[in-house]
Protein backbone atom coordinates (compact mmCIF):
# COMPACT_ATOMS: atom_id res chain seq x y z
CA MET A 1 1.05 -62.62 55.12
CA ALA A 2 -1.40 -60.07 56.10
CA GLU A 3 -1.46 -56.72 54.10
CA LEU A 4 0.38 -53.99 56.17
CA GLY A 5 -0.59 -51.35 54.48
CA ARG A 6 0.81 -48.17 52.67
CA LEU A 7 0.43 -45.79 55.45
CA LEU A 8 1.90 -47.08 58.68
CA THR A 9 1.84 -44.40 61.48
CA ALA A 10 4.78 -44.49 63.81
CA MET A 11 2.41 -44.07 67.08
CA VAL A 12 3.66 -42.13 70.12
CA THR A 13 3.64 -43.62 73.27
CA PRO A 14 1.22 -42.08 75.99
CA PHE A 15 2.80 -41.85 79.56
CA THR A 16 1.39 -40.81 82.89
CA GLU A 17 2.74 -37.66 84.81
CA LYS A 18 4.77 -40.54 86.86
CA GLY A 19 6.22 -41.65 83.77
CA ASP A 20 4.56 -44.91 83.78
CA VAL A 21 3.24 -46.44 80.14
CA ASP A 22 -0.45 -45.42 79.86
CA TYR A 23 -1.81 -48.48 78.18
CA LYS A 24 -5.34 -47.52 78.07
CA ARG A 25 -4.73 -44.35 76.46
CA ALA A 26 -2.28 -46.24 74.20
CA GLY A 27 -5.12 -48.42 72.97
CA GLU A 28 -7.57 -45.57 72.56
CA LEU A 29 -5.01 -43.60 70.53
CA ALA A 30 -4.39 -46.52 68.32
CA LYS A 31 -7.92 -46.93 67.39
CA ALA A 32 -8.29 -42.94 66.74
CA VAL A 33 -5.14 -43.11 64.20
CA LEU A 34 -6.37 -45.97 62.45
CA LYS A 35 -10.10 -44.38 62.45
CA SER A 36 -8.55 -41.38 60.86
CA GLY A 37 -7.07 -43.08 57.76
CA SER A 38 -3.99 -45.03 58.79
CA ASP A 39 -3.66 -48.69 57.57
CA GLY A 40 -1.76 -49.63 60.38
CA LEU A 41 0.60 -48.76 63.23
CA VAL A 42 4.38 -48.95 64.25
CA ILE A 43 4.45 -49.45 68.03
CA GLY A 44 7.89 -49.11 69.95
CA GLY A 45 9.94 -47.37 67.28
CA THR A 46 11.71 -44.22 67.15
CA THR A 47 8.57 -41.95 67.65
CA GLY A 48 7.30 -44.35 70.40
CA GLU A 49 10.43 -43.81 72.52
CA ALA A 50 11.09 -47.68 72.65
CA PRO A 51 14.60 -46.94 74.48
CA ALA A 52 12.62 -45.43 77.33
CA MET A 53 10.69 -48.84 78.11
CA ASN A 54 12.02 -52.06 79.24
CA ASP A 55 11.02 -55.27 77.54
CA GLU A 56 8.16 -55.76 79.96
CA GLU A 57 6.68 -52.48 79.19
CA LEU A 58 6.96 -53.16 75.45
CA ILE A 59 5.51 -56.46 75.59
CA GLN A 60 2.52 -55.16 77.29
CA LEU A 61 2.38 -52.16 75.12
CA PHE A 62 2.24 -54.23 71.89
CA ALA A 63 -0.58 -56.54 73.59
CA ALA A 64 -2.55 -53.55 74.64
CA VAL A 65 -2.62 -51.98 71.12
CA LYS A 66 -3.26 -55.06 69.28
CA GLU A 67 -6.08 -55.89 71.71
CA ALA A 68 -7.58 -52.42 71.17
CA VAL A 69 -7.50 -52.72 67.46
CA GLY A 70 -8.01 -56.25 66.62
CA GLU A 71 -8.11 -56.69 62.78
CA ASP A 72 -8.79 -52.91 61.83
CA GLY A 73 -5.26 -52.36 61.01
CA ALA A 74 -1.77 -53.99 61.31
CA VAL A 75 0.53 -53.70 64.30
CA VAL A 76 4.04 -53.48 63.66
CA ALA A 77 6.18 -54.01 66.77
CA GLY A 78 9.71 -52.60 67.20
CA THR A 79 11.50 -55.38 69.10
CA THR A 80 15.20 -55.14 67.96
CA ASN A 81 18.14 -53.47 69.79
CA ASN A 82 22.03 -54.03 69.65
CA ASN A 83 21.82 -57.41 71.43
CA THR A 84 20.83 -60.06 68.83
CA ARG A 85 19.75 -62.68 71.68
CA GLY A 86 17.65 -60.00 73.28
CA SER A 87 16.11 -59.09 70.21
CA ILE A 88 15.14 -62.57 69.39
CA ALA A 89 13.49 -62.99 72.89
CA LEU A 90 11.43 -59.76 72.49
CA SER A 91 10.41 -60.81 69.05
CA ARG A 92 9.05 -64.04 70.17
CA GLU A 93 7.27 -62.32 72.94
CA ALA A 94 5.77 -59.95 70.32
CA GLU A 95 4.78 -62.79 68.23
CA LYS A 96 3.03 -64.76 71.29
CA VAL A 97 0.77 -61.61 71.99
CA GLY A 98 -0.43 -61.44 68.26
CA VAL A 99 1.30 -58.56 66.39
CA ASP A 100 1.24 -58.50 62.69
CA ALA A 101 4.84 -57.84 61.98
CA LEU A 102 8.24 -56.60 63.34
CA LEU A 103 10.44 -53.61 62.98
CA LEU A 104 13.93 -54.61 62.65
CA THR A 105 16.11 -51.57 63.16
CA VAL A 106 19.81 -51.22 62.32
CA PRO A 107 21.60 -51.51 65.91
CA ALA A 108 23.10 -48.27 67.53
CA TYR A 109 26.27 -47.88 69.18
CA ASN A 110 28.01 -51.17 68.20
CA LYS A 111 28.68 -50.36 64.50
CA PRO A 112 28.60 -53.94 63.13
CA THR A 113 29.88 -54.66 59.81
CA MET A 114 27.53 -55.14 56.89
CA GLY A 115 28.25 -58.92 57.16
CA GLY A 116 27.48 -58.57 61.08
CA LEU A 117 24.31 -56.59 60.33
CA TYR A 118 23.17 -59.65 57.95
CA GLN A 119 23.74 -62.21 60.53
CA HIS A 120 21.81 -59.96 63.02
CA PHE A 121 18.77 -59.78 61.11
CA THR A 122 18.67 -63.19 59.86
CA SER A 123 19.10 -64.78 63.08
CA ILE A 124 15.86 -62.75 64.22
CA ALA A 125 14.17 -63.43 61.00
CA ASP A 126 14.90 -67.25 61.39
CA ALA A 127 13.58 -67.46 65.08
CA VAL A 128 10.15 -66.21 64.33
CA SER A 129 7.57 -66.68 61.81
CA LEU A 130 6.17 -63.19 61.35
CA PRO A 131 7.16 -60.65 58.49
CA GLY A 132 9.99 -58.46 59.24
CA ILE A 133 10.42 -54.70 58.02
CA LEU A 134 13.97 -53.56 58.21
CA TYR A 135 14.52 -50.12 59.51
CA ASN A 136 17.52 -48.09 58.35
CA VAL A 137 17.97 -44.71 60.15
CA PRO A 138 21.65 -43.66 60.34
CA SER A 139 20.80 -40.23 61.71
CA ARG A 140 19.75 -42.22 64.90
CA THR A 141 22.07 -45.31 64.82
CA SER A 142 25.49 -43.40 63.34
CA LEU A 143 25.30 -46.62 60.86
CA ASN A 144 24.05 -46.77 57.36
CA MET A 145 22.73 -50.28 55.98
CA ASP A 146 23.96 -50.19 52.52
CA ALA A 147 21.82 -51.04 49.37
CA ALA A 148 23.77 -54.25 48.92
CA THR A 149 22.95 -55.55 52.39
CA THR A 150 19.45 -54.63 52.08
CA LEU A 151 18.96 -56.34 48.76
CA LYS A 152 20.61 -59.40 50.36
CA LEU A 153 18.48 -59.38 53.27
CA ALA A 154 15.36 -58.81 50.81
CA GLU A 155 15.95 -62.37 49.78
CA VAL A 156 15.14 -63.80 53.22
CA PRO A 157 11.48 -65.05 53.16
CA ASN A 158 9.96 -63.34 55.70
CA ILE A 159 11.95 -60.07 55.72
CA VAL A 160 9.41 -58.22 53.40
CA GLY A 161 10.40 -54.51 53.15
CA VAL A 162 12.45 -51.66 54.54
CA LYS A 163 11.77 -48.44 56.08
CA GLU A 164 14.40 -46.30 54.36
CA ALA A 165 15.21 -42.98 56.45
CA SER A 166 18.58 -42.63 55.27
CA SER A 167 17.49 -39.60 53.23
CA ASP A 168 19.98 -40.71 50.41
CA ALA A 169 17.76 -40.79 47.35
CA ASP A 170 20.25 -42.54 45.13
CA GLN A 171 20.38 -45.44 47.74
CA ILE A 172 16.75 -45.73 48.15
CA ALA A 173 16.34 -45.75 44.16
CA TYR A 174 18.64 -48.51 43.94
CA VAL A 175 17.00 -50.51 46.61
CA ILE A 176 13.46 -50.05 45.02
CA LYS A 177 15.03 -50.91 41.45
CA GLY A 178 16.77 -54.06 42.57
CA ALA A 179 14.52 -55.51 45.06
CA PRO A 180 12.24 -58.54 44.58
CA GLU A 181 8.51 -57.87 43.50
CA ASN A 182 7.29 -58.93 47.08
CA PHE A 183 9.83 -56.50 48.95
CA ASN A 184 8.41 -53.22 49.82
CA VAL A 185 9.98 -49.82 50.58
CA TRP A 186 8.47 -47.44 52.93
CA SER A 187 9.79 -43.87 53.31
CA GLY A 188 10.91 -43.46 56.67
CA ASN A 189 10.75 -39.46 56.49
CA ASP A 190 7.57 -37.73 56.13
CA ASN A 191 9.26 -35.19 53.79
CA GLU A 192 10.41 -37.54 51.44
CA THR A 193 7.37 -39.49 50.84
CA PHE A 194 6.59 -38.11 47.48
CA PRO A 195 10.13 -38.64 45.82
CA THR A 196 10.07 -42.14 47.47
CA MET A 197 6.84 -43.02 45.94
CA VAL A 198 7.66 -41.55 42.47
CA THR A 199 10.85 -43.69 42.24
CA GLY A 200 8.45 -46.89 42.93
CA GLY A 201 8.34 -46.82 47.00
CA TYR A 202 5.37 -48.41 48.33
CA GLY A 203 4.39 -46.15 51.21
CA ILE A 204 5.48 -44.11 54.50
CA VAL A 205 6.11 -44.84 58.09
CA SER A 206 4.71 -41.59 59.22
CA VAL A 207 4.99 -39.48 62.06
CA ALA A 208 2.72 -36.80 61.08
CA GLY A 209 -0.10 -39.75 60.78
CA ASN A 210 -0.51 -39.17 64.54
CA ILE A 211 -2.63 -36.09 63.74
CA ILE A 212 -2.90 -35.97 59.95
CA SER A 213 -3.58 -39.45 58.78
CA ARG A 214 -6.24 -38.66 56.35
CA GLN A 215 -4.70 -35.93 54.58
CA ILE A 216 -1.63 -38.07 54.03
């Protein structure tokens, strides 16, 4: 597996005045963010406004960014939603265009059980060969993936980490302590980077990295 890096920037998505995705500017921005100090990029996540795009736009965005940055940094593609089959299809298309990893977000709205979450994520992981990073963000999805479920998913070979944005310090510390050595925990909130790292976390998926990667 390629090294994904400790500082991953959750990149914003440029749009034209007409509301179309500006793929050229996305490529330019991606190169600039990496040049300023980020190890990699998360494309089509919360900050990237994935729900504002359809699958065709997302696939084209993944391809444009990967083509622009080449091997200069990891490209992590947000490919999941509350439809397991749809998430698998988008993940497979992202793999075809050459992204380095997938961001696997806890589904919003449906509020599945923890067992349902496990089935959702393992179904996606089994359908691709790319590494996947779980994304727990209950403030956006209205569902917290508990530590036990995260640790169970950490045993899946190509699920390699979690972006933890639960703001639950005890839960995050429990995951860090119980996770396998090859499972990384990235803070999902810039203001929680220090406590996460002190507890043994691996890095940060940063919004601020869009403008101050070097300082982070």
